[in-house]
Amino acid sequence: MSTQLNIFDISRGRDNEVSKEMKLLIYSTGSEDKDKERVYNLIDGKRSTQDIADILGKPINKISGRFTQLKLEKRIRFVQKIGCGHSKFSIYEKTNVLTTNN
């Protein structure tokens, strides 16, 4: 008995068929919202974005969008940038704005 794997070429850019299919898969599992809440819970005004990525065991590019979402929701605000080698990472703190997920 052989198992056939579906292989997706995700390197073709955004808004193509595969990209849209993968986005639907991510949204259907709710993993994006879970990651956003995990990121939010780790924000303390002292940890950098890289520190949070390390704690979650994910590359920074996999969670950077969660910081953007939280900023747009006004749940966090930028504090400062810190340097680490040749890279710079942001530090955020929580705001007092409460949001509801409808």
Protein backbone atom coordinates (compact mmCIF):
# COMPACT_ATOMS: atom_id res chain seq x y z
CA MET A 1 0.00 0.00 0.00
CA SER A 2 1.52 3.36 -0.97
CA THR A 3 0.75 6.74 0.45
CA GLN A 4 0.70 9.70 -1.86
CA LEU A 5 1.70 13.06 -0.42
CA ASN A 6 0.36 16.34 -1.71
CA ILE A 7 3.26 18.66 -2.42
CA PHE A 8 2.71 22.40 -2.54
CA ASP A 9 5.07 24.94 -4.05
CA ILE A 10 4.67 27.79 -1.58
CA SER A 11 7.48 29.81 -3.13
CA ARG A 12 5.32 31.25 -5.89
CA GLY A 13 4.32 34.40 -4.00
CA ARG A 14 1.17 35.62 -2.36
CA ASP A 15 -2.44 35.45 -3.46
CA ASN A 16 -1.97 32.48 -5.75
CA GLU A 17 -4.07 29.32 -5.50
CA VAL A 18 -1.68 27.50 -3.17
CA SER A 19 -1.23 30.55 -0.96
CA LYS A 20 -4.99 30.96 -0.60
CA GLU A 21 -5.42 27.26 0.15
CA MET A 22 -2.73 27.31 2.84
CA LYS A 23 -4.23 30.46 4.39
CA LEU A 24 -7.61 28.72 4.61
CA LEU A 25 -5.93 25.72 6.26
CA ILE A 26 -4.25 27.95 8.85
CA TYR A 27 -7.47 29.85 9.59
CA SER A 28 -9.51 26.65 9.84
CA THR A 29 -7.22 25.26 12.55
CA GLY A 30 -7.26 28.49 14.55
CA SER A 31 -3.49 28.32 14.98
CA GLU A 32 -3.06 31.99 14.05
CA ASP A 33 -5.30 33.14 16.93
CA LYS A 34 -3.58 30.76 19.33
CA ASP A 35 -0.17 32.09 18.30
CA LYS A 36 -1.40 35.67 18.66
CA GLU A 37 -2.56 35.02 22.22
CA ARG A 38 0.66 33.18 23.08
CA VAL A 39 2.68 36.13 21.80
CA TYR A 40 0.47 38.58 23.69
CA ASN A 41 0.86 36.66 26.94
CA LEU A 42 4.68 36.78 26.63
CA ILE A 43 4.86 40.54 26.03
CA ASP A 44 6.11 42.23 29.19
CA GLY A 45 7.92 45.40 28.09
CA LYS A 46 11.30 43.69 28.61
CA ARG A 47 11.41 40.77 26.16
CA SER A 48 12.35 41.44 22.56
CA THR A 49 10.51 39.98 19.61
CA GLN A 50 13.43 37.54 19.21
CA ASP A 51 13.20 36.50 22.88
CA ILE A 52 9.51 35.69 22.39
CA ALA A 53 10.24 33.76 19.19
CA ASP A 54 12.90 31.74 21.05
CA ILE A 55 10.49 30.96 23.91
CA LEU A 56 7.86 29.78 21.42
CA GLY A 57 10.44 27.77 19.48
CA LYS A 58 9.51 29.50 16.21
CA PRO A 59 11.54 31.61 13.79
CA ILE A 60 10.85 35.34 14.13
CA ASN A 61 9.38 35.49 10.61
CA LYS A 62 6.69 32.98 11.65
CA ILE A 63 5.33 35.19 14.44
CA SER A 64 6.12 38.73 13.25
CA GLY A 65 2.61 39.07 11.84
CA ARG A 66 1.14 38.47 15.30
CA PHE A 67 2.94 41.58 16.59
CA THR A 68 1.50 43.55 13.68
CA GLN A 69 -2.02 42.28 14.43
CA LEU A 70 -1.69 43.16 18.11
CA LYS A 71 -0.43 46.66 17.22
CA LEU A 72 -3.36 47.20 14.84
CA GLU A 73 -5.74 46.09 17.60
CA LYS A 74 -3.97 48.62 19.88
CA ARG A 75 -3.30 45.86 22.44
CA ILE A 76 0.46 46.54 22.41
CA ARG A 77 2.70 49.52 21.74
CA PHE A 78 6.32 49.89 20.70
CA VAL A 79 8.82 50.64 23.48
CA GLN A 80 12.27 50.49 21.88
CA LYS A 81 14.59 48.69 19.49
CA ILE A 82 17.57 46.76 20.77
CA GLY A 83 20.55 45.49 18.86
CA CYS A 84 21.82 41.95 18.90
CA GLY A 85 24.80 41.48 16.62
CA HIS A 86 23.85 42.90 13.22
CA SER A 87 20.11 42.59 13.89
CA LYS A 88 17.66 44.84 15.68
CA PHE A 89 14.60 43.63 17.52
CA SER A 90 11.62 45.48 18.95
CA ILE A 91 10.34 45.50 22.48
CA TYR A 92 6.62 46.00 23.05
CA GLU A 93 4.46 46.52 26.10
CA LYS A 94 0.78 45.85 26.64
CA THR A 95 -1.71 48.69 26.56
CA ASN A 96 -4.81 48.93 28.70
CA VAL A 97 -7.09 48.55 25.69
CA LEU A 98 -9.40 45.55 25.95
CA THR A 99 -10.75 43.96 22.79
CA THR A 100 -13.35 41.33 22.21
CA ASN A 101 -13.20 38.63 19.56
CA ASN A 102 -16.55 38.50 17.77
